[in-house]
């Protein structure tokens, strides 16, 4: 049977934050799903680590699992804490910075996944 979501136990209760570890001076990622419709990735950032400004063809929704991150969207910074979610619209430049060590999940929904 195909698994559309990978790198995570199926039919088991898990804590997403336990699937990635913060590592000194690194950005760690683990892909859970990737296709033309959706991408789901877990991240762990050490304090001070960042992903520079870029954009995406899809809407990107981030949910912070532990710690605090800064997501700059269209030049506007947003401080996002554990338990909070932010949607970054498609084609709007954005960047990510670890205000402290933090873990988060990124879900991107791409337009190619929708039939016209």
PDB file of N, CA and C in Angstrom:
ATOM      1  N   UNK A   1       0.836  -1.179   0.000  1.00  0.00           N
ATOM      2  CA  UNK A   1       0.000   0.000   0.000  1.00  0.00           C
ATOM      3  C   UNK A   1       0.887   1.250   0.000  1.00  0.00           C
ATOM      4  N   UNK A   2       0.527   2.231  -0.845  1.00  0.00           N
ATOM      5  CA  UNK A   2       1.277   3.480  -0.905  1.00  0.00           C
ATOM      6  C   UNK A   2       1.071   4.273   0.374  1.00  0.00           C
ATOM      7  N   UNK A   3       2.137   4.947   0.787  1.00  0.00           N
ATOM      8  CA  UNK A   3       2.035   5.874   1.906  1.00  0.00           C
ATOM      9  C   UNK A   3       2.239   7.275   1.350  1.00  0.00           C
ATOM     10  N   UNK A   4       1.202   8.087   1.439  1.00  0.00           N
ATOM     11  CA  UNK A   4       1.292   9.448   0.945  1.00  0.00           C
ATOM     12  C   UNK A   4       1.977  10.348   1.963  1.00  0.00           C
ATOM     13  N   UNK A   5       1.855   9.976   3.225  1.00  0.00           N
ATOM     14  CA  UNK A   5       2.581  10.669   4.297  1.00  0.00           C
ATOM     15  C   UNK A   5       3.635   9.701   4.782  1.00  0.00           C
ATOM     16  N   UNK A   6       4.891  10.160   4.784  1.00  0.00           N
ATOM     17  CA  UNK A   6       6.002   9.280   5.136  1.00  0.00           C
ATOM     18  C   UNK A   6       6.804   9.853   6.303  1.00  0.00           C
ATOM     19  N   UNK A   7       7.759   9.088   6.768  1.00  0.00           N
ATOM     20  CA  UNK A   7       8.651   9.490   7.860  1.00  0.00           C
ATOM     21  C   UNK A   7       7.919   9.735   9.176  1.00  0.00           C
ATOM     22  N   UNK A   8       6.781   9.073   9.329  1.00  0.00           N
ATOM     23  CA  UNK A   8       5.991   9.190  10.546  1.00  0.00           C
ATOM     24  C   UNK A   8       5.189   7.892  10.680  1.00  0.00           C
ATOM     25  N   UNK A   9       5.043   7.390  11.892  1.00  0.00           N
ATOM     26  CA  UNK A   9       4.277   6.163  12.099  1.00  0.00           C
ATOM     27  C   UNK A   9       2.812   6.391  11.744  1.00  0.00           C
ATOM     28  N   UNK A  10       2.245   5.432  11.043  1.00  0.00           N
ATOM     29  CA  UNK A  10       0.820   5.476  10.727  1.00  0.00           C
ATOM     30  C   UNK A  10       0.052   4.731  11.814  1.00  0.00           C
ATOM     31  N   UNK A  11      -1.161   5.169  12.057  1.00  0.00           N
ATOM     32  CA  UNK A  11      -2.046   4.570  13.048  1.00  0.00           C
ATOM     33  C   UNK A  11      -1.448   4.578  14.446  1.00  0.00           C
ATOM     34  N   UNK A  12      -0.658   5.618  14.728  1.00  0.00           N
ATOM     35  CA  UNK A  12      -0.059   5.805  16.049  1.00  0.00           C
ATOM     36  C   UNK A  12      -0.173   7.277  16.423  1.00  0.00           C
ATOM     37  N   UNK A  13      -0.384   7.549  17.681  1.00  0.00           N
ATOM     38  CA  UNK A  13      -0.395   8.925  18.163  1.00  0.00           C
ATOM     39  C   UNK A  13       1.057   9.351  18.367  1.00  0.00           C
ATOM     40  N   UNK A  14       1.436  10.462  17.753  1.00  0.00           N
ATOM     41  CA  UNK A  14       2.805  10.965  17.867  1.00  0.00           C
ATOM     42  C   UNK A  14       2.790  12.444  18.225  1.00  0.00           C
ATOM     43  N   UNK A  15       3.901  12.902  18.747  1.00  0.00           N
ATOM     44  CA  UNK A  15       4.113  14.330  18.995  1.00  0.00           C
ATOM     45  C   UNK A  15       5.061  14.809  17.896  1.00  0.00           C
ATOM     46  N   UNK A  16       4.564  15.655  17.022  1.00  0.00           N
ATOM     47  CA  UNK A  16       5.370  16.110  15.887  1.00  0.00           C
ATOM     48  C   UNK A  16       6.703  16.710  16.334  1.00  0.00           C
ATOM     49  N   UNK A  17       6.702  17.437  17.427  1.00  0.00           N
ATOM     50  CA  UNK A  17       7.933  18.077  17.902  1.00  0.00           C
ATOM     51  C   UNK A  17       9.020  17.057  18.235  1.00  0.00           C
ATOM     52  N   UNK A  18       8.634  15.823  18.524  1.00  0.00           N
ATOM     53  CA  UNK A  18       9.627  14.803  18.857  1.00  0.00           C
ATOM     54  C   UNK A  18      10.245  14.160  17.618  1.00  0.00           C
ATOM     55  N   UNK A  19       9.750  14.480  16.440  1.00  0.00           N
ATOM     56  CA  UNK A  19      10.265  13.884  15.204  1.00  0.00           C
ATOM     57  C   UNK A  19      11.457  14.631  14.617  1.00  0.00           C
ATOM     58  N   UNK A  20      11.734  15.829  15.143  1.00  0.00           N
ATOM     59  CA  UNK A  20      12.910  16.601  14.723  1.00  0.00           C
ATOM     60  C   UNK A  20      13.613  17.123  15.968  1.00  0.00           C
ATOM     61  N   UNK A  21      14.928  17.279  15.862  1.00  0.00           N
ATOM     62  CA  UNK A  21      15.725  17.761  16.993  1.00  0.00           C
ATOM     63  C   UNK A  21      16.461  19.031  16.607  1.00  0.00           C
ATOM     64  N   UNK A  22      16.497  19.978  17.532  1.00  0.00           N
ATOM     65  CA  UNK A  22      17.302  21.179  17.334  1.00  0.00           C
ATOM     66  C   UNK A  22      18.763  20.772  17.427  1.00  0.00           C
ATOM     67  N   UNK A  23      19.548  21.199  16.446  1.00  0.00           N
ATOM     68  CA  UNK A  23      20.980  20.925  16.444  1.00  0.00           C
ATOM     69  C   UNK A  23      21.731  22.246  16.371  1.00  0.00           C
ATOM     70  N   UNK A  24      22.821  22.328  17.075  1.00  0.00           N
ATOM     71  CA  UNK A  24      23.604  23.555  17.186  1.00  0.00           C
ATOM     72  C   UNK A  24      23.925  24.151  15.820  1.00  0.00           C
ATOM     73  N   UNK A  25      23.550  25.427  15.661  1.00  0.00           N
ATOM     74  CA  UNK A  25      23.854  26.215  14.470  1.00  0.00           C
ATOM     75  C   UNK A  25      23.340  25.585  13.177  1.00  0.00           C
ATOM     76  N   UNK A  26      22.189  24.899  13.252  1.00  0.00           N
ATOM     77  CA  UNK A  26      21.651  24.242  12.062  1.00  0.00           C
ATOM     78  C   UNK A  26      20.150  24.448  11.916  1.00  0.00           C
ATOM     79  N   UNK A  27      19.716  24.252  10.676  1.00  0.00           N
ATOM     80  CA  UNK A  27      18.295  24.124  10.348  1.00  0.00           C
ATOM     81  C   UNK A  27      18.099  22.657   9.982  1.00  0.00           C
ATOM     82  N   UNK A  28      17.213  21.984  10.691  1.00  0.00           N
ATOM     83  CA  UNK A  28      16.936  20.572  10.446  1.00  0.00           C
ATOM     84  C   UNK A  28      15.532  20.473   9.864  1.00  0.00           C
ATOM     85  N   UNK A  29      15.371  19.620   8.842  1.00  0.00           N
ATOM     86  CA  UNK A  29      14.036  19.442   8.266  1.00  0.00           C
ATOM     87  C   UNK A  29      13.759  17.969   8.025  1.00  0.00           C
ATOM     88  N   UNK A  30      12.474  17.634   8.041  1.00  0.00           N
ATOM     89  CA  UNK A  30      12.022  16.278   7.741  1.00  0.00           C
ATOM     90  C   UNK A  30      10.740  16.395   6.922  1.00  0.00           C
ATOM     91  N   UNK A  31      10.778  15.875   5.698  1.00  0.00           N
ATOM     92  CA  UNK A  31       9.621  15.935   4.813  1.00  0.00           C
ATOM     93  C   UNK A  31       8.648  14.814   5.157  1.00  0.00           C
ATOM     94  N   UNK A  32       7.394  15.191   5.349  1.00  0.00           N
ATOM     95  CA  UNK A  32       6.346  14.212   5.628  1.00  0.00           C
ATOM     96  C   UNK A  32       5.510  13.917   4.393  1.00  0.00           C
ATOM     97  N   UNK A  33       5.359  14.901   3.499  1.00  0.00           N
ATOM     98  CA  UNK A  33       4.619  14.694   2.249  1.00  0.00           C
ATOM     99  C   UNK A  33       5.112  15.698   1.229  1.00  0.00           C
ATOM    100  N   UNK A  34       5.163  15.270  -0.039  1.00  0.00           N
ATOM    101  CA  UNK A  34       5.596  16.171  -1.108  1.00  0.00           C
ATOM    102  C   UNK A  34       5.000  15.672  -2.420  1.00  0.00           C
ATOM    103  N   UNK A  35       4.123  16.477  -2.999  1.00  0.00           N
ATOM    104  CA  UNK A  35       3.595  16.176  -4.321  1.00  0.00           C
ATOM    105  C   UNK A  35       3.150  17.480  -4.974  1.00  0.00           C
ATOM    106  N   UNK A  36       2.479  17.406  -6.112  1.00  0.00           N
ATOM    107  CA  UNK A  36       2.113  18.639  -6.820  1.00  0.00           C
ATOM    108  C   UNK A  36       1.028  19.438  -6.104  1.00  0.00           C
ATOM    109  N   UNK A  37       0.336  18.822  -5.147  1.00  0.00           N
ATOM    110  CA  UNK A  37      -0.752  19.497  -4.445  1.00  0.00           C
ATOM    111  C   UNK A  37      -0.340  20.064  -3.090  1.00  0.00           C
ATOM    112  N   UNK A  38       0.528  19.345  -2.379  1.00  0.00           N
ATOM    113  CA  UNK A  38       0.820  19.727  -1.000  1.00  0.00           C
ATOM    114  C   UNK A  38       2.234  19.305  -0.600  1.00  0.00           C
ATOM    115  N   UNK A  39       2.789  20.077   0.312  1.00  0.00           N
ATOM    116  CA  UNK A  39       4.074  19.745   0.921  1.00  0.00           C
ATOM    117  C   UNK A  39       3.917  19.946   2.428  1.00  0.00           C
ATOM    118  N   UNK A  40       4.360  18.958   3.209  1.00  0.00           N
ATOM    119  CA  UNK A  40       4.326  19.066   4.669  1.00  0.00           C
ATOM    120  C   UNK A  40       5.736  18.762   5.173  1.00  0.00           C
ATOM    121  N   UNK A  41       6.314  19.703   5.882  1.00  0.00           N
ATOM    122  CA  UNK A  41       7.690  19.554   6.358  1.00  0.00           C
ATOM    123  C   UNK A  41       7.798  20.017   7.800  1.00  0.00           C
ATOM    124  N   UNK A  42       8.506  19.235   8.610  1.00  0.00           N
ATOM    125  CA  UNK A  42       8.831  19.628   9.979  1.00  0.00           C
ATOM    126  C   UNK A  42      10.189  20.313   9.975  1.00  0.00           C
ATOM    127  N   UNK A  43      10.336  21.342  10.798  1.00  0.00           N
ATOM    128  CA  UNK A  43      11.604  22.050  10.911  1.00  0.00           C
ATOM    129  C   UNK A  43      11.999  22.197  12.374  1.00  0.00           C
ATOM    130  N   UNK A  44      13.302  22.216  12.615  1.00  0.00           N
ATOM    131  CA  UNK A  44      13.871  22.573  13.918  1.00  0.00           C
ATOM    132  C   UNK A  44      14.991  23.573  13.641  1.00  0.00           C
ATOM    133  N   UNK A  45      14.865  24.767  14.188  1.00  0.00           N
ATOM    134  CA  UNK A  45      15.869  25.824  14.013  1.00  0.00           C
ATOM    135  C   UNK A  45      16.576  26.047  15.339  1.00  0.00           C
ATOM    136  N   UNK A  46      17.881  26.201  15.292  1.00  0.00           N
ATOM    137  CA  UNK A  46      18.603  26.674  16.457  1.00  0.00           C
ATOM    138  C   UNK A  46      18.401  28.188  16.532  1.00  0.00           C
ATOM    139  N   UNK A  47      18.613  28.749  17.698  1.00  0.00           N
ATOM    140  CA  UNK A  47      18.496  30.199  17.865  1.00  0.00           C
ATOM    141  C   UNK A  47      19.437  30.890  16.880  1.00  0.00           C
ATOM    142  N   UNK A  48      18.909  31.880  16.177  1.00  0.00           N
ATOM    143  CA  UNK A  48      19.714  32.661  15.245  1.00  0.00           C
ATOM    144  C   UNK A  48      19.801  32.084  13.836  1.00  0.00           C
ATOM    145  N   UNK A  49      19.290  30.885  13.633  1.00  0.00           N
ATOM    146  CA  UNK A  49      19.301  30.308  12.279  1.00  0.00           C
ATOM    147  C   UNK A  49      18.149  30.895  11.468  1.00  0.00           C
ATOM    148  N   UNK A  50      18.325  30.900  10.142  1.00  0.00           N
ATOM    149  CA  UNK A  50      17.303  31.517   9.311  1.00  0.00           C
ATOM    150  C   UNK A  50      17.249  30.918   7.915  1.00  0.00           C
ATOM    151  N   UNK A  51      16.121  31.144   7.268  1.00  0.00           N
ATOM    152  CA  UNK A  51      15.961  30.914   5.836  1.00  0.00           C
ATOM    153  C   UNK A  51      15.670  32.295   5.266  1.00  0.00           C
ATOM    154  N   UNK A  52      16.508  32.724   4.327  1.00  0.00           N
ATOM    155  CA  UNK A  52      16.384  34.056   3.750  1.00  0.00           C
ATOM    156  C   UNK A  52      15.114  34.243   2.949  1.00  0.00           C
ATOM    157  N   UNK A  53      14.906  35.454   2.512  1.00  0.00           N
ATOM    158  CA  UNK A  53      13.689  35.836   1.791  1.00  0.00           C
ATOM    159  C   UNK A  53      13.542  35.047   0.493  1.00  0.00           C
ATOM    160  N   UNK A  54      12.353  34.505   0.308  1.00  0.00           N
ATOM    161  CA  UNK A  54      11.990  33.728  -0.875  1.00  0.00           C
ATOM    162  C   UNK A  54      10.476  33.773  -1.008  1.00  0.00           C
ATOM    163  N   UNK A  55       9.933  33.165  -2.048  1.00  0.00           N
ATOM    164  CA  UNK A  55       8.477  33.068  -2.142  1.00  0.00           C
ATOM    165  C   UNK A  55       8.101  31.675  -2.611  1.00  0.00           C
ATOM    166  N   UNK A  56       6.806  31.426  -2.685  1.00  0.00           N
ATOM    167  CA  UNK A  56       6.284  30.119  -3.061  1.00  0.00           C
ATOM    168  C   UNK A  56       5.083  30.318  -3.968  1.00  0.00           C
ATOM    169  N   UNK A  57       4.857  29.354  -4.843  1.00  0.00           N
ATOM    170  CA  UNK A  57       3.679  29.427  -5.707  1.00  0.00           C
ATOM    171  C   UNK A  57       2.402  29.049  -4.965  1.00  0.00           C
ATOM    172  N   UNK A  58       2.553  28.467  -3.759  1.00  0.00           N
ATOM    173  CA  UNK A  58       1.393  28.059  -2.973  1.00  0.00           C
ATOM    174  C   UNK A  58       1.282  28.828  -1.674  1.00  0.00           C
ATOM    175  N   UNK A  59       0.094  28.766  -1.064  1.00  0.00           N
ATOM    176  CA  UNK A  59      -0.087  29.328   0.275  1.00  0.00           C
ATOM    177  C   UNK A  59       0.676  28.460   1.268  1.00  0.00           C
ATOM    178  N   UNK A  60       1.390  29.103   2.179  1.00  0.00           N
ATOM    179  CA  UNK A  60       2.193  28.387   3.164  1.00  0.00           C
ATOM    180  C   UNK A  60       1.634  28.661   4.560  1.00  0.00           C
ATOM    181  N   UNK A  61       1.276  27.597   5.262  1.00  0.00           N
ATOM    182  CA  UNK A  61       0.763  27.724   6.626  1.00  0.00           C
ATOM    183  C   UNK A  61       1.797  27.146   7.584  1.00  0.00           C
ATOM    184  N   UNK A  62       2.192  27.959   8.573  1.00  0.00           N
ATOM    185  CA  UNK A  62       3.157  27.501   9.572  1.00  0.00           C
ATOM    186  C   UNK A  62       2.478  27.403  10.933  1.00  0.00           C
ATOM    187  N   UNK A  63       2.818  26.362  11.667  1.00  0.00           N
ATOM    188  CA  UNK A  63       2.362  26.204  13.039  1.00  0.00           C
ATOM    189  C   UNK A  63       3.592  25.927  13.888  1.00  0.00           C
ATOM    190  N   UNK A  64       3.824  26.773  14.871  1.00  0.00           N
ATOM    191  CA  UNK A  64       4.972  26.587  15.763  1.00  0.00           C
ATOM    192  C   UNK A  64       4.596  25.563  16.823  1.00  0.00           C
ATOM    193  N   UNK A  65       5.470  24.574  16.980  1.00  0.00           N
ATOM    194  CA  UNK A  65       5.244  23.482  17.929  1.00  0.00           C
ATOM    195  C   UNK A  65       5.910  23.750  19.266  1.00  0.00           C
ATOM    196  N   UNK A  66       7.117  24.322  19.231  1.00  0.00           N
ATOM    197  CA  UNK A  66       7.878  24.662  20.444  1.00  0.00           C
ATOM    198  C   UNK A  66       8.684  25.920  20.157  1.00  0.00           C
ATOM    199  N   UNK A  67       8.839  26.766  21.173  1.00  0.00           N
ATOM    200  CA  UNK A  67       9.684  27.944  21.029  1.00  0.00           C
ATOM    201  C   UNK A  67       8.997  29.078  20.302  1.00  0.00           C
ATOM    202  N   UNK A  68       9.829  29.990  19.735  1.00  0.00           N
ATOM    203  CA  UNK A  68       9.335  31.197  19.080  1.00  0.00           C
ATOM    204  C   UNK A  68      10.144  31.471  17.827  1.00  0.00           C
ATOM    205  N   UNK A  69       9.438  31.774  16.747  1.00  0.00           N
ATOM    206  CA  UNK A  69      10.095  32.135  15.498  1.00  0.00           C
ATOM    207  C   UNK A  69       9.566  33.450  14.977  1.00  0.00           C
ATOM    208  N   UNK A  70      10.365  34.063  14.114  1.00  0.00           N
ATOM    209  CA  UNK A  70       9.927  35.297  13.448  1.00  0.00           C
ATOM    210  C   UNK A  70       9.768  34.996  11.962  1.00  0.00           C
ATOM    211  N   UNK A  71       8.574  35.227  11.458  1.00  0.00           N
ATOM    212  CA  UNK A  71       8.260  35.028  10.056  1.00  0.00           C
ATOM    213  C   UNK A  71       7.982  36.410   9.465  1.00  0.00           C
ATOM    214  N   UNK A  72       8.815  36.825   8.534  1.00  0.00           N
ATOM    215  CA  UNK A  72       8.629  38.132   7.902  1.00  0.00           C
ATOM    216  C   UNK A  72       7.927  37.897   6.572  1.00  0.00           C
ATOM    217  N   UNK A  73       6.752  38.478   6.433  1.00  0.00           N
ATOM    218  CA  UNK A  73       5.908  38.256   5.258  1.00  0.00           C
ATOM    219  C   UNK A  73       5.644  39.606   4.591  1.00  0.00           C
ATOM    220  N   UNK A  74       6.094  39.753   3.355  1.00  0.00           N
ATOM    221  CA  UNK A  74       5.904  41.023   2.665  1.00  0.00           C
ATOM    222  C   UNK A  74       6.536  42.177   3.407  1.00  0.00           C
ATOM    223  N   UNK A  75       7.643  41.912   4.090  1.00  0.00           N
ATOM    224  CA  UNK A  75       8.364  42.946   4.835  1.00  0.00           C
ATOM    225  C   UNK A  75       7.852  43.187   6.243  1.00  0.00           C
ATOM    226  N   UNK A  76       6.776  42.520   6.642  1.00  0.00           N
ATOM    227  CA  UNK A  76       6.189  42.707   7.972  1.00  0.00           C
ATOM    228  C   UNK A  76       6.551  41.516   8.865  1.00  0.00           C
ATOM    229  N   UNK A  77       7.251  41.776   9.994  1.00  0.00           N
ATOM    230  CA  UNK A  77       7.615  40.669  10.887  1.00  0.00           C
ATOM    231  C   UNK A  77       6.439  40.218  11.755  1.00  0.00           C
ATOM    232  N   UNK A  78       6.338  38.897  11.940  1.00  0.00           N
ATOM    233  CA  UNK A  78       5.318  38.301  12.799  1.00  0.00           C
ATOM    234  C   UNK A  78       6.034  37.365  13.770  1.00  0.00           C
ATOM    235  N   UNK A  79       5.854  37.581  15.049  1.00  0.00           N
ATOM    236  CA  UNK A  79       6.408  36.690  16.066  1.00  0.00           C
ATOM    237  C   UNK A  79       5.363  35.607  16.317  1.00  0.00           C
ATOM    238  N   UNK A  80       5.758  34.349  16.104  1.00  0.00           N
ATOM    239  CA  UNK A  80       4.830  33.232  16.225  1.00  0.00           C
ATOM    240  C   UNK A  80       5.363  32.298  17.303  1.00  0.00           C
ATOM    241  N   UNK A  81       4.520  32.019  18.294  1.00  0.00           N
ATOM    242  CA  UNK A  81       4.899  31.200  19.446  1.00  0.00           C
ATOM    243  C   UNK A  81       4.227  29.832  19.390  1.00  0.00           C
ATOM    244  N   UNK A  82       4.695  28.933  20.246  1.00  0.00           N
ATOM    245  CA  UNK A  82       4.149  27.568  20.302  1.00  0.00           C
ATOM    246  C   UNK A  82       2.625  27.605  20.376  1.00  0.00           C
ATOM    247  N   UNK A  83       1.995  26.809  19.511  1.00  0.00           N
ATOM    248  CA  UNK A  83       0.540  26.737  19.479  1.00  0.00           C
ATOM    249  C   UNK A  83      -0.111  27.734  18.538  1.00  0.00           C
ATOM    250  N   UNK A  84       0.694  28.620  17.937  1.00  0.00           N
ATOM    251  CA  UNK A  84       0.147  29.637  17.037  1.00  0.00           C
ATOM    252  C   UNK A  84       0.435  29.277  15.577  1.00  0.00           C
ATOM    253  N   UNK A  85      -0.410  29.794  14.678  1.00  0.00           N
ATOM    254  CA  UNK A  85      -0.329  29.511  13.253  1.00  0.00           C
ATOM    255  C   UNK A  85      -0.370  30.816  12.469  1.00  0.00           C
ATOM    256  N   UNK A  86       0.353  30.841  11.358  1.00  0.00           N
ATOM    257  CA  UNK A  86       0.376  31.990  10.458  1.00  0.00           C
ATOM    258  C   UNK A  86       0.286  31.463   9.024  1.00  0.00           C
ATOM    259  N   UNK A  87      -0.542  32.109   8.201  1.00  0.00           N
ATOM    260  CA  UNK A  87      -0.598  31.765   6.783  1.00  0.00           C
ATOM    261  C   UNK A  87       0.139  32.849   5.999  1.00  0.00           C
ATOM    262  N   UNK A  88       1.072  32.381   5.161  1.00  0.00           N
ATOM    263  CA  UNK A  88       1.834  33.274   4.291  1.00  0.00           C
ATOM    264  C   UNK A  88       1.307  33.073   2.870  1.00  0.00           C
ATOM    265  N   UNK A  89       0.703  34.102   2.286  1.00  0.00           N
ATOM    266  CA  UNK A  89       0.067  33.948   0.973  1.00  0.00           C
ATOM    267  C   UNK A  89       1.064  33.597  -0.137  1.00  0.00           C
ATOM    268  N   UNK A  90       0.568  32.892  -1.132  1.00  0.00           N
ATOM    269  CA  UNK A  90       1.367  32.553  -2.303  1.00  0.00           C
ATOM    270  C   UNK A  90       1.941  33.815  -2.934  1.00  0.00           C
ATOM    271  N   UNK A  91       3.153  33.684  -3.437  1.00  0.00           N
ATOM    272  CA  UNK A  91       3.845  34.725  -4.209  1.00  0.00           C
ATOM    273  C   UNK A  91       4.210  35.967  -3.405  1.00  0.00           C
ATOM    274  N   UNK A  92       4.071  35.924  -2.084  1.00  0.00           N
ATOM    275  CA  UNK A  92       4.489  37.038  -1.238  1.00  0.00           C
ATOM    276  C   UNK A  92       5.833  36.656  -0.612  1.00  0.00           C
ATOM    277  N   UNK A  93       6.872  37.475  -0.796  1.00  0.00           N
ATOM    278  CA  UNK A  93       8.180  37.137  -0.224  1.00  0.00           C
ATOM    279  C   UNK A  93       8.106  36.986   1.296  1.00  0.00           C
ATOM    280  N   UNK A  94       8.809  35.972   1.799  1.00  0.00           N
ATOM    281  CA  UNK A  94       8.819  35.723   3.238  1.00  0.00           C
ATOM    282  C   UNK A  94      10.167  35.144   3.651  1.00  0.00           C
ATOM    283  N   UNK A  95      10.467  35.251   4.946  1.00  0.00           N
ATOM    284  CA  UNK A  95      11.703  34.736   5.521  1.00  0.00           C
ATOM    285  C   UNK A  95      11.391  34.211   6.916  1.00  0.00           C
ATOM    286  N   UNK A  96      12.298  33.350   7.437  1.00  0.00           N
ATOM    287  CA  UNK A  96      12.103  32.736   8.756  1.00  0.00           C
ATOM    288  C   UNK A  96      13.373  32.915   9.570  1.00  0.00           C
ATOM    289  N   UNK A  97      13.203  33.248  10.866  1.00  0.00           N
ATOM    290  CA  UNK A  97      14.349  33.447  11.759  1.00  0.00           C
ATOM    291  C   UNK A  97      14.040  32.848  13.129  1.00  0.00           C
ATOM    292  N   UNK A  98      14.992  32.165  13.709  1.00  0.00           N
ATOM    293  CA  UNK A  98      14.839  31.591  15.043  1.00  0.00           C
ATOM    294  C   UNK A  98      15.107  32.618  16.126  1.00  0.00           C
ATOM    295  N   UNK A  99      14.045  33.204  16.667  1.00  0.00           N
ATOM    296  CA  UNK A  99      14.195  34.125  17.802  1.00  0.00           C
ATOM    297  C   UNK A  99      14.816  33.382  18.985  1.00  0.00           C
ATOM    298  N   UNK A 100      14.496  32.112  19.081  1.00  0.00           N
ATOM    299  CA  UNK A 100      15.080  31.166  20.021  1.00  0.00           C
ATOM    300  C   UNK A 100      15.025  29.818  19.305  1.00  0.00           C
ATOM    301  N   UNK A 101      15.591  28.797  19.887  1.00  0.00           N
ATOM    302  CA  UNK A 101      15.453  27.480  19.267  1.00  0.00           C
ATOM    303  C   UNK A 101      13.964  27.185  19.155  1.00  0.00           C
ATOM    304  N   UNK A 102      13.532  26.741  17.960  1.00  0.00           N
ATOM    305  CA  UNK A 102      12.108  26.448  17.821  1.00  0.00           C
ATOM    306  C   UNK A 102      11.868  25.369  16.783  1.00  0.00           C
ATOM    307  N   UNK A 103      10.694  24.738  16.917  1.00  0.00           N
ATOM    308  CA  UNK A 103      10.258  23.682  16.007  1.00  0.00           C
ATOM    309  C   UNK A 103       8.911  24.089  15.428  1.00  0.00           C
ATOM    310  N   UNK A 104       8.737  23.760  14.156  1.00  0.00           N
ATOM    311  CA  UNK A 104       7.504  24.162  13.487  1.00  0.00           C
ATOM    312  C   UNK A 104       7.195  23.240  12.332  1.00  0.00           C
ATOM    313  N   UNK A 105       5.941  23.260  11.913  1.00  0.00           N
ATOM    314  CA  UNK A 105       5.500  22.465  10.772  1.00  0.00           C
ATOM    315  C   UNK A 105       5.019  23.422   9.683  1.00  0.00           C
ATOM    316  N   UNK A 106       5.451  23.149   8.464  1.00  0.00           N
ATOM    317  CA  UNK A 106       5.098  23.945   7.300  1.00  0.00           C
ATOM    318  C   UNK A 106       4.216  23.105   6.384  1.00  0.00           C
ATOM    319  N   UNK A 107       3.047  23.636   6.052  1.00  0.00           N
ATOM    320  CA  UNK A 107       2.163  23.004   5.077  1.00  0.00           C
ATOM    321  C   UNK A 107       1.971  23.990   3.935  1.00  0.00           C
ATOM    322  N   UNK A 108       2.350  23.565   2.737  1.00  0.00           N
ATOM    323  CA  UNK A 108       2.167  24.408   1.555  1.00  0.00           C
ATOM    324  C   UNK A 108       1.157  23.731   0.643  1.00  0.00           C
ATOM    325  N   UNK A 109       0.145  24.490   0.245  1.00  0.00           N
ATOM    326  CA  UNK A 109      -0.869  24.003  -0.684  1.00  0.00           C
ATOM    327  C   UNK A 109      -0.623  24.710  -2.014  1.00  0.00           C
ATOM    328  N   UNK A 110      -0.333  23.911  -3.042  1.00  0.00           N
ATOM    329  CA  UNK A 110       0.042  24.445  -4.350  1.00  0.00           C
ATOM    330  C   UNK A 110      -1.153  24.517  -5.297  1.00  0.00           C
ATOM    331  N   UNK A 111      -1.172  25.507  -6.203  1.00  0.00           N
ATOM    332  CA  UNK A 111      -2.286  25.614  -7.147  1.00  0.00           C
ATOM    333  C   UNK A 111      -2.361  24.443  -8.125  1.00  0.00           C
ATOM    334  N   UNK A 112      -1.227  23.796  -8.403  1.00  0.00           N
ATOM    335  CA  UNK A 112      -1.219  22.671  -9.337  1.00  0.00           C
ATOM    336  C   UNK A 112      -2.053  21.484  -8.813  1.00  0.00           C
ATOM    337  N   UNK A 113      -2.328  21.456  -7.520  1.00  0.00           N
ATOM    338  CA  UNK A 113      -3.090  20.365  -6.945  1.00  0.00           C
ATOM    339  C   UNK A 113      -4.591  20.494  -7.167  1.00  0.00           C
ATOM    340  N   UNK A 114      -5.006  21.632  -7.716  1.00  0.00           N
ATOM    341  CA  UNK A 114      -6.431  21.869  -7.933  1.00  0.00           C
ATOM    342  C   UNK A 114      -6.744  21.806  -9.414  1.00  0.00           C
ATOM    343  N   UNK A 115      -7.806  21.138  -9.756  1.00  0.00           N
ATOM    344  CA  UNK A 115      -8.229  21.077 -11.156  1.00  0.00           C
ATOM    345  C   UNK A 115      -9.027  22.321 -11.494  1.00  0.00           C
ATOM    346  N   UNK A 116      -8.804  22.832 -12.685  1.00  0.00           N
ATOM    347  CA  UNK A 116      -9.498  24.055 -13.107  1.00  0.00           C
ATOM    348  C   UNK A 116     -10.972  23.800 -13.379  1.00  0.00           C
TER     349      UNK A 116
END
